[in-house]
């Protein structure tokens, strides 16, 4: 949905059930109509705002165990788990990349009674929470946006509510060396800021995993685009712009063969050179609002809308 420059108004604690179907839906890209339900006579009913039910609410402490991974020869090795991440099972399958142009876009406009899928109904996102963290769908100019838990002020971070949206493994979202565009619209105030606030990411920048990420980090409200290959170096484009001003901002990251651009509200604001050989491919799912559920997950606070990933698309 289109973003507007106004503060999202919460609808309160209007609880509703997110119908996610059977377990088979969670195991693959099950088709689902992205549009809202229709009333009798074919008239479309308004999307329903409210609280999203988590697929399990965990209060387990963050794991410090190494996450198993695999070398190109298929041998299991141990890699450190990034802070805030949760170890995932090793997949025996080789890591693939997108074979052609790919476009995935989430508007969140179907309402809490429908699965959260992209506009084509093929890429599922699951609400996950810890310590009572919940996501809400809130009204935003005729549609809905995702509101995240308020910035936590508890004395111990391990007790803070955390909540994210997470997909499943999808190697079609690995760009490899292809042109890549990804981003979202965000609404934040300075009260939502912290040392880390991840908006969209796939993968991690440590452990030789590779990553693309959009974040709003530190207390200055600066957005930044981050990509990393399997080597240790991280590339970040960060403009000196404060987007935590209580209005909606469209943030976009654009990777060309040799440069990474940060685009704010349609205007390029920062860029850094990147090597053409840098490839991004990992087994991690797409995540929105944090890099996991464990302590130190760079939890986002505020609201997110219009998330997209485009692979193989160049700027005209």
C-alpha atoms as a PDB file:
ATOM      1  CA  UNK A   1       0.000   0.000   0.000  1.00  0.00           C
ATOM      2  CA  UNK A   2       1.054   3.581  -0.482  1.00  0.00           C
ATOM      3  CA  UNK A   3       2.679   5.226   2.490  1.00  0.00           C
ATOM      4  CA  UNK A   4       1.474   8.499   3.930  1.00  0.00           C
ATOM      5  CA  UNK A   5       3.321  11.024   6.034  1.00  0.00           C
ATOM      6  CA  UNK A   6       1.383  10.663   9.229  1.00  0.00           C
ATOM      7  CA  UNK A   7       1.654   8.746  12.412  1.00  0.00           C
ATOM      8  CA  UNK A   8      -0.013   5.339  12.539  1.00  0.00           C
ATOM      9  CA  UNK A   9      -2.875   5.195  15.010  1.00  0.00           C
ATOM     10  CA  UNK A  10      -3.094   1.943  16.959  1.00  0.00           C
ATOM     11  CA  UNK A  11      -6.462   0.245  17.117  1.00  0.00           C
ATOM     12  CA  UNK A  12      -5.756  -1.019  20.636  1.00  0.00           C
ATOM     13  CA  UNK A  13      -5.646  -4.600  21.751  1.00  0.00           C
ATOM     14  CA  UNK A  14      -8.198  -5.945  19.306  1.00  0.00           C
ATOM     15  CA  UNK A  15      -7.224  -9.602  19.362  1.00  0.00           C
ATOM     16  CA  UNK A  16      -7.817 -11.739  16.301  1.00  0.00           C
ATOM     17  CA  UNK A  17      -6.692 -15.108  15.083  1.00  0.00           C
ATOM     18  CA  UNK A  18      -4.296 -15.448  12.179  1.00  0.00           C
ATOM     19  CA  UNK A  19      -5.454 -18.469  10.211  1.00  0.00           C
ATOM     20  CA  UNK A  20      -2.368 -20.143   8.817  1.00  0.00           C
ATOM     21  CA  UNK A  21      -3.925 -23.382   7.633  1.00  0.00           C
ATOM     22  CA  UNK A  22      -2.361 -26.768   8.074  1.00  0.00           C
ATOM     23  CA  UNK A  23       1.245 -27.646   8.782  1.00  0.00           C
ATOM     24  CA  UNK A  24       1.758 -28.189   5.081  1.00  0.00           C
ATOM     25  CA  UNK A  25       1.317 -24.473   4.568  1.00  0.00           C
ATOM     26  CA  UNK A  26       4.296 -23.789   6.812  1.00  0.00           C
ATOM     27  CA  UNK A  27       6.479 -26.300   4.986  1.00  0.00           C
ATOM     28  CA  UNK A  28       6.352 -24.718   1.540  1.00  0.00           C
ATOM     29  CA  UNK A  29       5.053 -21.949  -0.662  1.00  0.00           C
ATOM     30  CA  UNK A  30       1.379 -22.733  -0.452  1.00  0.00           C
ATOM     31  CA  UNK A  31      -0.745 -20.543  -2.738  1.00  0.00           C
ATOM     32  CA  UNK A  32      -2.933 -18.071  -0.914  1.00  0.00           C
ATOM     33  CA  UNK A  33      -4.953 -15.170  -2.183  1.00  0.00           C
ATOM     34  CA  UNK A  34      -3.309 -11.966  -0.960  1.00  0.00           C
ATOM     35  CA  UNK A  35      -6.457  -9.916  -1.172  1.00  0.00           C
ATOM     36  CA  UNK A  36      -8.893  -9.625   1.704  1.00  0.00           C
ATOM     37  CA  UNK A  37     -12.019 -11.771   1.999  1.00  0.00           C
ATOM     38  CA  UNK A  38     -15.144 -11.018   0.047  1.00  0.00           C
ATOM     39  CA  UNK A  39     -18.607 -10.690   1.467  1.00  0.00           C
ATOM     40  CA  UNK A  40     -21.666 -12.103  -0.262  1.00  0.00           C
ATOM     41  CA  UNK A  41     -22.333 -10.551  -3.634  1.00  0.00           C
ATOM     42  CA  UNK A  42     -18.617 -10.188  -4.412  1.00  0.00           C
ATOM     43  CA  UNK A  43     -18.125  -6.955  -2.426  1.00  0.00           C
ATOM     44  CA  UNK A  44     -14.683  -6.811  -0.848  1.00  0.00           C
ATOM     45  CA  UNK A  45     -14.756  -6.390   2.925  1.00  0.00           C
ATOM     46  CA  UNK A  46     -12.260  -4.084   4.648  1.00  0.00           C
ATOM     47  CA  UNK A  47      -9.082  -5.742   5.996  1.00  0.00           C
ATOM     48  CA  UNK A  48      -9.238  -6.572   9.688  1.00  0.00           C
ATOM     49  CA  UNK A  49      -6.646  -4.975  11.957  1.00  0.00           C
ATOM     50  CA  UNK A  50      -5.602  -6.491  15.261  1.00  0.00           C
ATOM     51  CA  UNK A  51      -3.024  -8.642  17.019  1.00  0.00           C
ATOM     52  CA  UNK A  52      -1.255 -11.412  15.117  1.00  0.00           C
ATOM     53  CA  UNK A  53      -1.090 -14.754  16.885  1.00  0.00           C
ATOM     54  CA  UNK A  54       2.467 -16.071  17.085  1.00  0.00           C
ATOM     55  CA  UNK A  55       3.394 -19.516  15.896  1.00  0.00           C
ATOM     56  CA  UNK A  56       4.538 -20.314  19.409  1.00  0.00           C
ATOM     57  CA  UNK A  57       5.710 -17.821  22.011  1.00  0.00           C
ATOM     58  CA  UNK A  58       9.047 -18.819  23.437  1.00  0.00           C
ATOM     59  CA  UNK A  59      10.606 -17.602  26.662  1.00  0.00           C
ATOM     60  CA  UNK A  60      13.728 -19.698  26.275  1.00  0.00           C
ATOM     61  CA  UNK A  61      17.061 -17.984  26.891  1.00  0.00           C
ATOM     62  CA  UNK A  62      19.250 -17.144  23.931  1.00  0.00           C
ATOM     63  CA  UNK A  63      21.379 -20.042  22.790  1.00  0.00           C
ATOM     64  CA  UNK A  64      25.136 -19.697  22.758  1.00  0.00           C
ATOM     65  CA  UNK A  65      25.776 -22.960  20.953  1.00  0.00           C
ATOM     66  CA  UNK A  66      27.570 -22.883  17.595  1.00  0.00           C
ATOM     67  CA  UNK A  67      25.323 -23.190  14.568  1.00  0.00           C
ATOM     68  CA  UNK A  68      26.268 -26.128  12.336  1.00  0.00           C
ATOM     69  CA  UNK A  69      26.925 -25.359   8.717  1.00  0.00           C
ATOM     70  CA  UNK A  70      28.428 -27.130   5.738  1.00  0.00           C
ATOM     71  CA  UNK A  71      31.403 -26.615   3.528  1.00  0.00           C
ATOM     72  CA  UNK A  72      31.153 -26.868  -0.225  1.00  0.00           C
ATOM     73  CA  UNK A  73      32.108 -30.524   0.148  1.00  0.00           C
ATOM     74  CA  UNK A  74      29.101 -31.138   2.375  1.00  0.00           C
ATOM     75  CA  UNK A  75      31.074 -31.712   5.591  1.00  0.00           C
ATOM     76  CA  UNK A  76      29.472 -30.313   8.722  1.00  0.00           C
ATOM     77  CA  UNK A  77      31.431 -27.549  10.436  1.00  0.00           C
ATOM     78  CA  UNK A  78      30.668 -25.231  13.346  1.00  0.00           C
ATOM     79  CA  UNK A  79      30.203 -21.502  12.960  1.00  0.00           C
ATOM     80  CA  UNK A  80      29.480 -18.968  15.697  1.00  0.00           C
ATOM     81  CA  UNK A  81      25.876 -17.885  16.058  1.00  0.00           C
ATOM     82  CA  UNK A  82      25.476 -14.121  15.557  1.00  0.00           C
ATOM     83  CA  UNK A  83      24.114 -12.429  18.700  1.00  0.00           C
ATOM     84  CA  UNK A  84      20.334 -12.456  18.603  1.00  0.00           C
ATOM     85  CA  UNK A  85      20.128 -15.315  16.136  1.00  0.00           C
ATOM     86  CA  UNK A  86      18.805 -18.799  16.794  1.00  0.00           C
ATOM     87  CA  UNK A  87      20.730 -21.861  15.552  1.00  0.00           C
ATOM     88  CA  UNK A  88      19.005 -23.514  12.592  1.00  0.00           C
ATOM     89  CA  UNK A  89      19.260 -27.119  11.448  1.00  0.00           C
ATOM     90  CA  UNK A  90      21.795 -27.918   8.757  1.00  0.00           C
ATOM     91  CA  UNK A  91      20.247 -28.506   5.354  1.00  0.00           C
ATOM     92  CA  UNK A  92      21.886 -31.243   3.295  1.00  0.00           C
ATOM     93  CA  UNK A  93      20.919 -29.466   0.087  1.00  0.00           C
ATOM     94  CA  UNK A  94      23.402 -27.237  -1.738  1.00  0.00           C
ATOM     95  CA  UNK A  95      22.732 -23.507  -1.621  1.00  0.00           C
ATOM     96  CA  UNK A  96      21.096 -22.182  -4.776  1.00  0.00           C
ATOM     97  CA  UNK A  97      20.574 -18.723  -6.219  1.00  0.00           C
ATOM     98  CA  UNK A  98      17.818 -17.089  -8.236  1.00  0.00           C
ATOM     99  CA  UNK A  99      17.809 -18.422 -11.773  1.00  0.00           C
ATOM    100  CA  UNK A 100      16.152 -15.321 -13.214  1.00  0.00           C
ATOM    101  CA  UNK A 101      14.331 -12.129 -12.253  1.00  0.00           C
ATOM    102  CA  UNK A 102      12.459 -12.400  -8.939  1.00  0.00           C
ATOM    103  CA  UNK A 103      10.038  -9.937  -7.348  1.00  0.00           C
ATOM    104  CA  UNK A 104       8.495 -10.392  -3.894  1.00  0.00           C
ATOM    105  CA  UNK A 105       6.372  -7.683  -2.276  1.00  0.00           C
ATOM    106  CA  UNK A 106       4.401  -7.576   0.975  1.00  0.00           C
ATOM    107  CA  UNK A 107       1.668  -5.007   1.658  1.00  0.00           C
ATOM    108  CA  UNK A 108       0.155  -6.704   4.784  1.00  0.00           C
ATOM    109  CA  UNK A 109      -3.298  -5.607   3.638  1.00  0.00           C
ATOM    110  CA  UNK A 110      -5.142  -8.959   3.843  1.00  0.00           C
ATOM    111  CA  UNK A 111      -5.854  -8.619   7.575  1.00  0.00           C
ATOM    112  CA  UNK A 112      -5.271 -10.809  10.611  1.00  0.00           C
ATOM    113  CA  UNK A 113      -7.702 -13.483   9.452  1.00  0.00           C
ATOM    114  CA  UNK A 114      -5.544 -14.356   6.457  1.00  0.00           C
ATOM    115  CA  UNK A 115      -2.010 -15.752   6.135  1.00  0.00           C
ATOM    116  CA  UNK A 116       0.705 -13.162   5.621  1.00  0.00           C
ATOM    117  CA  UNK A 117       1.886 -13.744   2.078  1.00  0.00           C
ATOM    118  CA  UNK A 118       3.310 -11.598  -0.695  1.00  0.00           C
ATOM    119  CA  UNK A 119       1.007 -10.039  -3.283  1.00  0.00           C
ATOM    120  CA  UNK A 120       1.349 -13.136  -5.489  1.00  0.00           C
ATOM    121  CA  UNK A 121       0.387 -15.437  -2.627  1.00  0.00           C
ATOM    122  CA  UNK A 122       3.503 -17.619  -2.804  1.00  0.00           C
ATOM    123  CA  UNK A 123       5.882 -16.493  -0.044  1.00  0.00           C
ATOM    124  CA  UNK A 124       4.630 -17.000   3.501  1.00  0.00           C
ATOM    125  CA  UNK A 125       5.748 -14.988   6.531  1.00  0.00           C
ATOM    126  CA  UNK A 126       5.153 -16.314  10.041  1.00  0.00           C
ATOM    127  CA  UNK A 127       4.742 -14.141  13.160  1.00  0.00           C
ATOM    128  CA  UNK A 128       7.153 -15.268  15.873  1.00  0.00           C
ATOM    129  CA  UNK A 129       7.520 -13.912  19.398  1.00  0.00           C
ATOM    130  CA  UNK A 130       9.406 -14.293  22.640  1.00  0.00           C
ATOM    131  CA  UNK A 131       8.685 -12.988  26.158  1.00  0.00           C
ATOM    132  CA  UNK A 132       5.163 -12.061  25.157  1.00  0.00           C
ATOM    133  CA  UNK A 133       6.184 -10.021  22.116  1.00  0.00           C
ATOM    134  CA  UNK A 134       3.350  -9.532  19.635  1.00  0.00           C
ATOM    135  CA  UNK A 135       2.932  -7.913  16.233  1.00  0.00           C
ATOM    136  CA  UNK A 136      -0.158  -5.896  15.292  1.00  0.00           C
ATOM    137  CA  UNK A 137      -1.690  -4.955  11.975  1.00  0.00           C
ATOM    138  CA  UNK A 138      -2.726  -1.311  12.224  1.00  0.00           C
ATOM    139  CA  UNK A 139      -4.651   0.936   9.801  1.00  0.00           C
ATOM    140  CA  UNK A 140      -2.583   2.881   7.327  1.00  0.00           C
ATOM    141  CA  UNK A 141      -4.310   4.829   4.525  1.00  0.00           C
ATOM    142  CA  UNK A 142      -6.924   2.292   3.492  1.00  0.00           C
ATOM    143  CA  UNK A 143      -4.687  -0.710   4.180  1.00  0.00           C
ATOM    144  CA  UNK A 144      -2.565  -2.099   6.972  1.00  0.00           C
ATOM    145  CA  UNK A 145       0.986  -1.893   8.272  1.00  0.00           C
ATOM    146  CA  UNK A 146       2.843  -4.039  10.815  1.00  0.00           C
ATOM    147  CA  UNK A 147       3.399  -2.430  14.223  1.00  0.00           C
ATOM    148  CA  UNK A 148       6.217  -3.866  16.321  1.00  0.00           C
ATOM    149  CA  UNK A 149       6.560  -3.940  20.119  1.00  0.00           C
ATOM    150  CA  UNK A 150       7.436  -0.644  21.767  1.00  0.00           C
ATOM    151  CA  UNK A 151      11.101  -0.080  22.562  1.00  0.00           C
ATOM    152  CA  UNK A 152      11.831  -2.038  25.712  1.00  0.00           C
ATOM    153  CA  UNK A 153      12.950  -0.190  28.840  1.00  0.00           C
ATOM    154  CA  UNK A 154      13.336  -3.188  31.151  1.00  0.00           C
ATOM    155  CA  UNK A 155      16.614  -3.336  33.104  1.00  0.00           C
ATOM    156  CA  UNK A 156      17.509  -6.749  31.639  1.00  0.00           C
ATOM    157  CA  UNK A 157      17.371  -7.090  27.873  1.00  0.00           C
ATOM    158  CA  UNK A 158      16.840 -10.830  28.119  1.00  0.00           C
ATOM    159  CA  UNK A 159      13.380 -10.107  29.576  1.00  0.00           C
ATOM    160  CA  UNK A 160      12.305  -7.785  26.756  1.00  0.00           C
ATOM    161  CA  UNK A 161       9.417  -8.749  24.447  1.00  0.00           C
ATOM    162  CA  UNK A 162      10.620  -9.583  20.949  1.00  0.00           C
ATOM    163  CA  UNK A 163       8.652 -10.248  17.772  1.00  0.00           C
ATOM    164  CA  UNK A 164       9.521 -10.624  14.078  1.00  0.00           C
ATOM    165  CA  UNK A 165       8.140 -11.918  10.801  1.00  0.00           C
ATOM    166  CA  UNK A 166      10.070 -14.836   9.350  1.00  0.00           C
ATOM    167  CA  UNK A 167       9.774 -16.802   6.125  1.00  0.00           C
ATOM    168  CA  UNK A 168      11.159 -20.220   5.297  1.00  0.00           C
ATOM    169  CA  UNK A 169      14.280 -21.144   3.398  1.00  0.00           C
ATOM    170  CA  UNK A 170      13.937 -19.894  -0.164  1.00  0.00           C
ATOM    171  CA  UNK A 171      17.032 -19.972  -2.357  1.00  0.00           C
ATOM    172  CA  UNK A 172      15.169 -17.971  -5.014  1.00  0.00           C
ATOM    173  CA  UNK A 173      15.752 -14.978  -2.726  1.00  0.00           C
ATOM    174  CA  UNK A 174      19.537 -15.438  -2.980  1.00  0.00           C
ATOM    175  CA  UNK A 175      20.745 -12.905  -5.558  1.00  0.00           C
ATOM    176  CA  UNK A 176      24.242 -14.290  -5.931  1.00  0.00           C
ATOM    177  CA  UNK A 177      25.998 -11.583  -7.979  1.00  0.00           C
ATOM    178  CA  UNK A 178      22.853 -10.323  -9.703  1.00  0.00           C
ATOM    179  CA  UNK A 179      21.531  -6.765  -9.337  1.00  0.00           C
ATOM    180  CA  UNK A 180      19.494  -6.538  -6.152  1.00  0.00           C
ATOM    181  CA  UNK A 181      16.901  -4.064  -4.886  1.00  0.00           C
ATOM    182  CA  UNK A 182      15.196  -4.412  -1.524  1.00  0.00           C
ATOM    183  CA  UNK A 183      13.550  -2.131   0.980  1.00  0.00           C
ATOM    184  CA  UNK A 184      10.499  -1.082   2.968  1.00  0.00           C
ATOM    185  CA  UNK A 185       8.577   1.903   4.246  1.00  0.00           C
ATOM    186  CA  UNK A 186       9.162   2.653   7.926  1.00  0.00           C
ATOM    187  CA  UNK A 187       7.599   4.855  10.566  1.00  0.00           C
ATOM    188  CA  UNK A 188       9.729   5.614  13.628  1.00  0.00           C
ATOM    189  CA  UNK A 189      10.239   8.222  16.313  1.00  0.00           C
ATOM    190  CA  UNK A 190      13.344   8.843  18.389  1.00  0.00           C
ATOM    191  CA  UNK A 191      11.712   6.824  21.150  1.00  0.00           C
ATOM    192  CA  UNK A 192      11.866   3.792  18.832  1.00  0.00           C
ATOM    193  CA  UNK A 193      15.617   4.011  18.256  1.00  0.00           C
ATOM    194  CA  UNK A 194      18.280   1.749  19.741  1.00  0.00           C
ATOM    195  CA  UNK A 195      21.785   0.616  18.915  1.00  0.00           C
ATOM    196  CA  UNK A 196      20.269  -1.763  16.366  1.00  0.00           C
ATOM    197  CA  UNK A 197      16.910  -1.894  14.582  1.00  0.00           C
ATOM    198  CA  UNK A 198      16.794  -4.290  11.640  1.00  0.00           C
ATOM    199  CA  UNK A 199      14.093  -3.730   9.041  1.00  0.00           C
ATOM    200  CA  UNK A 200      14.689  -6.429   6.404  1.00  0.00           C
ATOM    201  CA  UNK A 201      17.427  -9.001   6.158  1.00  0.00           C
ATOM    202  CA  UNK A 202      18.430 -12.361   4.759  1.00  0.00           C
ATOM    203  CA  UNK A 203      21.502 -14.060   6.168  1.00  0.00           C
ATOM    204  CA  UNK A 204      24.217 -12.802   8.491  1.00  0.00           C
ATOM    205  CA  UNK A 205      27.392 -10.829   7.976  1.00  0.00           C
ATOM    206  CA  UNK A 206      29.541 -13.094  10.177  1.00  0.00           C
ATOM    207  CA  UNK A 207      30.522 -16.724  10.015  1.00  0.00           C
ATOM    208  CA  UNK A 208      31.101 -16.720   6.258  1.00  0.00           C
ATOM    209  CA  UNK A 209      27.354 -16.792   5.618  1.00  0.00           C
ATOM    210  CA  UNK A 210      26.695 -13.676   3.429  1.00  0.00           C
ATOM    211  CA  UNK A 211      23.859 -11.187   3.872  1.00  0.00           C
ATOM    212  CA  UNK A 212      21.733  -8.345   2.595  1.00  0.00           C
ATOM    213  CA  UNK A 213      20.127  -6.072   5.179  1.00  0.00           C
ATOM    214  CA  UNK A 214      18.301  -2.772   5.676  1.00  0.00           C
ATOM    215  CA  UNK A 215      18.514  -1.215   9.142  1.00  0.00           C
ATOM    216  CA  UNK A 216      18.000   1.972  11.134  1.00  0.00           C
ATOM    217  CA  UNK A 217      20.830   1.925  13.624  1.00  0.00           C
ATOM    218  CA  UNK A 218      22.005   4.001  16.568  1.00  0.00           C
ATOM    219  CA  UNK A 219      20.372   7.001  18.189  1.00  0.00           C
ATOM    220  CA  UNK A 220      20.744   9.320  15.201  1.00  0.00           C
ATOM    221  CA  UNK A 221      18.033   7.577  13.179  1.00  0.00           C
ATOM    222  CA  UNK A 222      20.298   6.925  10.202  1.00  0.00           C
ATOM    223  CA  UNK A 223      19.098   4.259   7.756  1.00  0.00           C
ATOM    224  CA  UNK A 224      21.716   2.075   6.118  1.00  0.00           C
ATOM    225  CA  UNK A 225      22.096  -0.678   3.558  1.00  0.00           C
ATOM    226  CA  UNK A 226      24.436  -3.567   4.294  1.00  0.00           C
ATOM    227  CA  UNK A 227      25.696  -6.417   2.141  1.00  0.00           C
ATOM    228  CA  UNK A 228      28.379  -8.982   2.887  1.00  0.00           C
ATOM    229  CA  UNK A 229      29.809 -11.960   1.061  1.00  0.00           C
ATOM    230  CA  UNK A 230      31.478 -14.991   2.548  1.00  0.00           C
ATOM    231  CA  UNK A 231      34.592 -13.012   3.391  1.00  0.00           C
ATOM    232  CA  UNK A 232      34.910 -10.907   6.507  1.00  0.00           C
ATOM    233  CA  UNK A 233      34.417  -7.463   4.942  1.00  0.00           C
ATOM    234  CA  UNK A 234      31.044  -5.720   5.330  1.00  0.00           C
ATOM    235  CA  UNK A 235      29.860  -2.987   2.941  1.00  0.00           C
ATOM    236  CA  UNK A 236      27.491  -0.331   4.309  1.00  0.00           C
ATOM    237  CA  UNK A 237      25.928   2.732   2.677  1.00  0.00           C
ATOM    238  CA  UNK A 238      24.716   5.127   5.371  1.00  0.00           C
ATOM    239  CA  UNK A 239      23.529   8.698   4.784  1.00  0.00           C
ATOM    240  CA  UNK A 240      23.504  11.333   7.518  1.00  0.00           C
ATOM    241  CA  UNK A 241      19.720  11.589   7.440  1.00  0.00           C
ATOM    242  CA  UNK A 242      17.365  11.183  10.383  1.00  0.00           C
ATOM    243  CA  UNK A 243      14.291   9.142   9.362  1.00  0.00           C
ATOM    244  CA  UNK A 244      12.961   8.736  12.928  1.00  0.00           C
ATOM    245  CA  UNK A 245      10.810  11.852  12.707  1.00  0.00           C
ATOM    246  CA  UNK A 246       7.315  10.396  13.094  1.00  0.00           C
ATOM    247  CA  UNK A 247       6.559  10.331   9.358  1.00  0.00           C
ATOM    248  CA  UNK A 248       6.693   7.527   6.805  1.00  0.00           C
ATOM    249  CA  UNK A 249       9.877   7.120   4.762  1.00  0.00           C
ATOM    250  CA  UNK A 250      10.485   4.832   1.782  1.00  0.00           C
ATOM    251  CA  UNK A 251      13.902   3.173   2.181  1.00  0.00           C
ATOM    252  CA  UNK A 252      15.556   1.229  -0.628  1.00  0.00           C
ATOM    253  CA  UNK A 253      18.874  -0.517  -1.114  1.00  0.00           C
ATOM    254  CA  UNK A 254      20.212  -1.074  -4.625  1.00  0.00           C
ATOM    255  CA  UNK A 255      23.220  -3.237  -5.420  1.00  0.00           C
ATOM    256  CA  UNK A 256      24.759  -2.881  -8.885  1.00  0.00           C
ATOM    257  CA  UNK A 257      27.757  -4.957 -10.016  1.00  0.00           C
ATOM    258  CA  UNK A 258      30.177  -2.498  -8.422  1.00  0.00           C
ATOM    259  CA  UNK A 259      28.229  -0.244  -6.027  1.00  0.00           C
ATOM    260  CA  UNK A 260      25.680  -0.255  -3.195  1.00  0.00           C
ATOM    261  CA  UNK A 261      23.227   2.657  -3.006  1.00  0.00           C
ATOM    262  CA  UNK A 262      21.008   3.837  -0.135  1.00  0.00           C
ATOM    263  CA  UNK A 263      17.862   5.539  -1.517  1.00  0.00           C
ATOM    264  CA  UNK A 264      15.579   7.541   0.785  1.00  0.00           C
ATOM    265  CA  UNK A 265      12.166   8.702  -0.450  1.00  0.00           C
ATOM    266  CA  UNK A 266      13.217   8.135  -4.053  1.00  0.00           C
ATOM    267  CA  UNK A 267      16.532   9.993  -3.873  1.00  0.00           C
ATOM    268  CA  UNK A 268      20.011   8.398  -3.721  1.00  0.00           C
ATOM    269  CA  UNK A 269      21.578   9.545  -0.468  1.00  0.00           C
ATOM    270  CA  UNK A 270      24.707   7.410  -0.018  1.00  0.00           C
ATOM    271  CA  UNK A 271      26.750   4.802  -1.825  1.00  0.00           C
ATOM    272  CA  UNK A 272      29.848   2.666  -1.394  1.00  0.00           C
ATOM    273  CA  UNK A 273      31.866   0.610  -3.889  1.00  0.00           C
ATOM    274  CA  UNK A 274      31.496  -3.174  -3.766  1.00  0.00           C
ATOM    275  CA  UNK A 275      33.481  -5.843  -5.611  1.00  0.00           C
ATOM    276  CA  UNK A 276      31.676  -7.387  -8.607  1.00  0.00           C
ATOM    277  CA  UNK A 277      32.635 -10.860  -7.389  1.00  0.00           C
ATOM    278  CA  UNK A 278      30.718 -10.467  -4.104  1.00  0.00           C
ATOM    279  CA  UNK A 279      27.979 -13.117  -4.011  1.00  0.00           C
ATOM    280  CA  UNK A 280      25.071 -13.371  -1.559  1.00  0.00           C
ATOM    281  CA  UNK A 281      23.687 -16.868  -1.034  1.00  0.00           C
ATOM    282  CA  UNK A 282      22.637 -18.506   2.233  1.00  0.00           C
ATOM    283  CA  UNK A 283      20.053 -20.872   3.689  1.00  0.00           C
ATOM    284  CA  UNK A 284      18.540 -18.296   6.049  1.00  0.00           C
ATOM    285  CA  UNK A 285      14.916 -17.163   5.626  1.00  0.00           C
ATOM    286  CA  UNK A 286      13.813 -13.621   4.952  1.00  0.00           C
ATOM    287  CA  UNK A 287      13.249 -11.811   8.266  1.00  0.00           C
ATOM    288  CA  UNK A 288      11.445  -8.546   8.931  1.00  0.00           C
ATOM    289  CA  UNK A 289      11.904  -6.624  12.161  1.00  0.00           C
ATOM    290  CA  UNK A 290      14.915  -8.404  13.667  1.00  0.00           C
ATOM    291  CA  UNK A 291      17.593 -11.002  13.004  1.00  0.00           C
ATOM    292  CA  UNK A 292      15.965 -13.609  15.250  1.00  0.00           C
ATOM    293  CA  UNK A 293      14.238 -13.954  18.605  1.00  0.00           C
ATOM    294  CA  UNK A 294      17.154 -14.337  20.969  1.00  0.00           C
ATOM    295  CA  UNK A 295      18.623 -11.618  23.156  1.00  0.00           C
ATOM    296  CA  UNK A 296      20.463  -9.000  21.097  1.00  0.00           C
ATOM    297  CA  UNK A 297      18.260  -9.527  18.031  1.00  0.00           C
ATOM    298  CA  UNK A 298      18.374  -5.858  16.907  1.00  0.00           C
ATOM    299  CA  UNK A 299      14.631  -5.645  17.484  1.00  0.00           C
ATOM    300  CA  UNK A 300      12.778  -3.081  15.373  1.00  0.00           C
ATOM    301  CA  UNK A 301      10.310  -0.693  17.035  1.00  0.00           C
ATOM    302  CA  UNK A 302       7.814   1.362  15.063  1.00  0.00           C
ATOM    303  CA  UNK A 303       5.864   0.286  11.979  1.00  0.00           C
ATOM    304  CA  UNK A 304       6.856  -1.346   8.674  1.00  0.00           C
ATOM    305  CA  UNK A 305       4.990  -1.507   5.372  1.00  0.00           C
ATOM    306  CA  UNK A 306       5.586  -2.238   1.670  1.00  0.00           C
ATOM    307  CA  UNK A 307       8.483  -4.688   2.019  1.00  0.00           C
ATOM    308  CA  UNK A 308      10.014  -5.819  -1.279  1.00  0.00           C
ATOM    309  CA  UNK A 309      12.906  -7.792  -2.751  1.00  0.00           C
ATOM    310  CA  UNK A 310      13.730  -7.608  -6.473  1.00  0.00           C
ATOM    311  CA  UNK A 311      16.516  -9.638  -8.027  1.00  0.00           C
ATOM    312  CA  UNK A 312      17.858  -9.111 -11.518  1.00  0.00           C
ATOM    313  CA  UNK A 313      16.156  -5.747 -11.973  1.00  0.00           C
ATOM    314  CA  UNK A 314      18.154  -2.693 -12.978  1.00  0.00           C
ATOM    315  CA  UNK A 315      17.197   0.961 -12.681  1.00  0.00           C
ATOM    316  CA  UNK A 316      16.044   2.231 -16.113  1.00  0.00           C
END
